[in-house]
């Protein structure tokens, strides 16, 4: 933590309005939407493209449509909290979002979100291979809901 004058108060970043969340993967990116008033996340879409330019074009279209005040990106780590093989890629993705779109970008621990997403889909009667086109957007929903439930746990990218 940087040196702070005695008695200084650190104010948490608390966006107000619509948020978009991303579950980044090398093959797909799940996207969820929610707003700070209702504090409820909903799955939105899955970006099925591995090409960076195509991915960011689709993200730009979503940003134009939803006009979010901030973005949330899931940050993977191992069960013990150590970096995961995708941790650095997710940080890079978050930094690129922030740089390209000039929006605050918040990193949220995404451990167990795919498991929770699969359980949510199971409850809806969607099982096995039927989950593949939906699992990433439901994982993004879990990431965003985790942020709504505990905003202080988010890290500014």
Protein backbone atom coordinates (compact mmCIF):
# COMPACT_ATOMS: atom_id res chain seq x y z
CA UNK A 1 0.00 0.00 0.00
CA UNK A 2 1.37 3.47 -0.81
CA UNK A 3 2.40 5.77 2.03
CA UNK A 4 -0.64 7.67 3.25
CA UNK A 5 -0.78 10.66 5.57
CA UNK A 6 -1.89 9.75 9.07
CA UNK A 7 -5.67 9.75 9.32
CA UNK A 8 -6.18 9.57 5.54
CA UNK A 9 -9.22 7.68 4.37
CA UNK A 10 -9.09 5.43 1.32
CA UNK A 11 -12.33 5.74 -0.62
CA UNK A 12 -13.46 2.63 -2.42
CA UNK A 13 -14.43 2.96 -6.06
CA UNK A 14 -18.18 2.42 -6.24
CA UNK A 15 -19.58 2.76 -9.74
CA UNK A 16 -23.24 3.67 -10.14
CA UNK A 17 -25.17 2.35 -13.13
CA UNK A 18 -24.86 -0.52 -15.57
CA UNK A 19 -21.87 -2.88 -15.40
CA UNK A 20 -20.69 -5.46 -17.90
CA UNK A 21 -18.69 -8.44 -16.69
CA UNK A 22 -16.39 -10.75 -18.64
CA UNK A 23 -15.29 -14.33 -18.13
CA UNK A 24 -12.19 -14.33 -20.33
CA UNK A 25 -11.04 -17.47 -22.07
CA UNK A 26 -8.71 -18.16 -24.97
CA UNK A 27 -11.57 -19.57 -27.07
CA UNK A 28 -14.65 -17.78 -25.69
CA UNK A 29 -15.54 -14.77 -23.56
CA UNK A 30 -18.69 -14.90 -21.47
CA UNK A 31 -20.49 -11.61 -20.87
CA UNK A 32 -23.00 -10.65 -18.18
CA UNK A 33 -24.85 -7.43 -17.40
CA UNK A 34 -26.25 -5.92 -14.24
CA UNK A 35 -26.77 -2.61 -12.53
CA UNK A 36 -25.78 -1.24 -9.19
CA UNK A 37 -29.33 -0.25 -8.24
CA UNK A 38 -30.77 -3.78 -8.36
CA UNK A 39 -27.40 -5.45 -7.65
CA UNK A 40 -28.42 -8.44 -9.76
CA UNK A 41 -26.33 -9.94 -12.56
CA UNK A 42 -27.75 -11.63 -15.65
CA UNK A 43 -26.02 -13.69 -18.36
CA UNK A 44 -25.91 -11.75 -21.63
CA UNK A 45 -23.94 -13.44 -24.41
CA UNK A 46 -20.87 -15.45 -25.31
CA UNK A 47 -18.28 -14.10 -27.74
CA UNK A 48 -17.19 -17.10 -29.80
CA UNK A 49 -14.14 -15.75 -31.56
CA UNK A 50 -10.43 -16.28 -31.00
CA UNK A 51 -9.30 -13.26 -33.07
CA UNK A 52 -8.52 -10.22 -30.93
CA UNK A 53 -9.88 -7.63 -33.38
CA UNK A 54 -13.18 -9.48 -33.76
CA UNK A 55 -13.50 -9.88 -30.00
CA UNK A 56 -12.96 -6.20 -29.33
CA UNK A 57 -15.36 -5.22 -32.13
CA UNK A 58 -18.07 -7.31 -30.47
CA UNK A 59 -17.23 -5.84 -27.08
CA UNK A 60 -17.40 -2.32 -28.56
CA UNK A 61 -20.88 -3.08 -29.89
CA UNK A 62 -21.99 -4.31 -26.45
CA UNK A 63 -20.58 -1.19 -24.80
CA UNK A 64 -22.44 1.02 -27.29
CA UNK A 65 -25.68 -0.84 -26.59
CA UNK A 66 -25.47 -1.08 -22.79
CA UNK A 67 -23.45 2.09 -21.98
CA UNK A 68 -21.79 0.66 -18.84
CA UNK A 69 -20.16 2.91 -16.25
CA UNK A 70 -17.55 0.24 -15.44
CA UNK A 71 -16.35 -3.21 -16.47
CA UNK A 72 -15.69 -6.27 -14.32
CA UNK A 73 -13.26 -9.02 -15.33
CA UNK A 74 -12.86 -12.36 -13.63
CA UNK A 75 -9.35 -13.03 -12.36
CA UNK A 76 -8.55 -16.74 -12.19
CA UNK A 77 -6.28 -18.25 -9.59
CA UNK A 78 -5.61 -21.68 -8.18
CA UNK A 79 -7.54 -22.92 -5.15
CA UNK A 80 -4.72 -21.75 -2.87
CA UNK A 81 -4.77 -18.23 -4.39
CA UNK A 82 -1.58 -18.61 -6.43
CA UNK A 83 -1.63 -17.41 -10.05
CA UNK A 84 -3.35 -19.65 -12.60
CA UNK A 85 -2.09 -20.19 -16.15
CA UNK A 86 -4.68 -17.61 -17.35
CA UNK A 87 -4.10 -15.01 -14.61
CA UNK A 88 -1.66 -12.90 -16.63
CA UNK A 89 -3.84 -13.12 -19.77
CA UNK A 90 -6.89 -11.95 -17.83
CA UNK A 91 -4.96 -9.02 -16.36
CA UNK A 92 -3.81 -8.11 -19.87
CA UNK A 93 -7.39 -8.36 -21.17
CA UNK A 94 -8.60 -6.09 -18.33
CA UNK A 95 -5.87 -3.54 -19.09
CA UNK A 96 -6.75 -3.60 -22.79
CA UNK A 97 -10.43 -2.99 -21.99
CA UNK A 98 -9.49 -0.07 -19.76
CA UNK A 99 -7.12 1.38 -22.37
CA UNK A 100 -9.37 0.92 -25.42
CA UNK A 101 -12.65 2.01 -23.88
CA UNK A 102 -11.50 4.38 -21.14
CA UNK A 103 -13.75 2.77 -18.54
CA UNK A 104 -12.91 1.78 -14.99
CA UNK A 105 -12.12 -1.92 -14.95
CA UNK A 106 -12.41 -4.04 -11.83
CA UNK A 107 -10.83 -7.46 -11.31
CA UNK A 108 -12.79 -10.00 -9.27
CA UNK A 109 -11.67 -13.41 -8.00
CA UNK A 110 -13.34 -15.97 -10.24
CA UNK A 111 -12.48 -19.17 -8.38
CA UNK A 112 -15.33 -21.69 -8.59
CA UNK A 113 -17.48 -19.53 -10.91
CA UNK A 114 -17.56 -22.16 -13.66
CA UNK A 115 -18.62 -24.75 -11.09
CA UNK A 116 -21.38 -22.44 -9.80
CA UNK A 117 -22.43 -21.65 -13.38
CA UNK A 118 -22.69 -25.35 -14.20
CA UNK A 119 -24.80 -25.92 -11.08
CA UNK A 120 -27.12 -23.04 -12.06
CA UNK A 121 -27.54 -24.53 -15.53
CA UNK A 122 -28.17 -27.99 -14.02
CA UNK A 123 -30.98 -26.48 -11.94
CA UNK A 124 -32.55 -25.28 -15.20
CA UNK A 125 -32.33 -28.77 -16.68
CA UNK A 126 -29.39 -27.90 -18.95
CA UNK A 127 -26.75 -30.58 -18.56
CA UNK A 128 -23.54 -31.89 -20.07
CA UNK A 129 -22.76 -30.76 -23.60
CA UNK A 130 -25.86 -28.57 -23.71
CA UNK A 131 -24.07 -26.25 -21.27
CA UNK A 132 -21.14 -25.44 -23.57
CA UNK A 133 -22.71 -22.47 -25.43
CA UNK A 134 -23.98 -20.96 -22.14
CA UNK A 135 -21.40 -21.79 -19.46
CA UNK A 136 -19.15 -18.76 -20.08
CA UNK A 137 -21.93 -16.17 -19.85
CA UNK A 138 -23.24 -17.86 -16.70
CA UNK A 139 -19.71 -17.77 -15.26
CA UNK A 140 -19.59 -14.03 -16.09
CA UNK A 141 -22.91 -13.71 -14.22
CA UNK A 142 -21.31 -15.38 -11.18
CA UNK A 143 -18.34 -12.99 -11.40
CA UNK A 144 -20.56 -9.90 -11.55
CA UNK A 145 -22.83 -11.16 -8.78
CA UNK A 146 -19.77 -11.76 -6.59
CA UNK A 147 -18.80 -8.12 -7.15
CA UNK A 148 -22.31 -6.91 -6.29
CA UNK A 149 -22.31 -9.05 -3.15
CA UNK A 150 -18.87 -7.84 -2.00
CA UNK A 151 -17.69 -4.76 -3.94
CA UNK A 152 -14.75 -4.19 -1.61
CA UNK A 153 -13.22 -7.44 -2.88
CA UNK A 154 -12.77 -5.97 -6.38
CA UNK A 155 -9.36 -4.72 -7.48
CA UNK A 156 -9.00 -1.76 -9.83
CA UNK A 157 -7.11 -2.83 -12.98
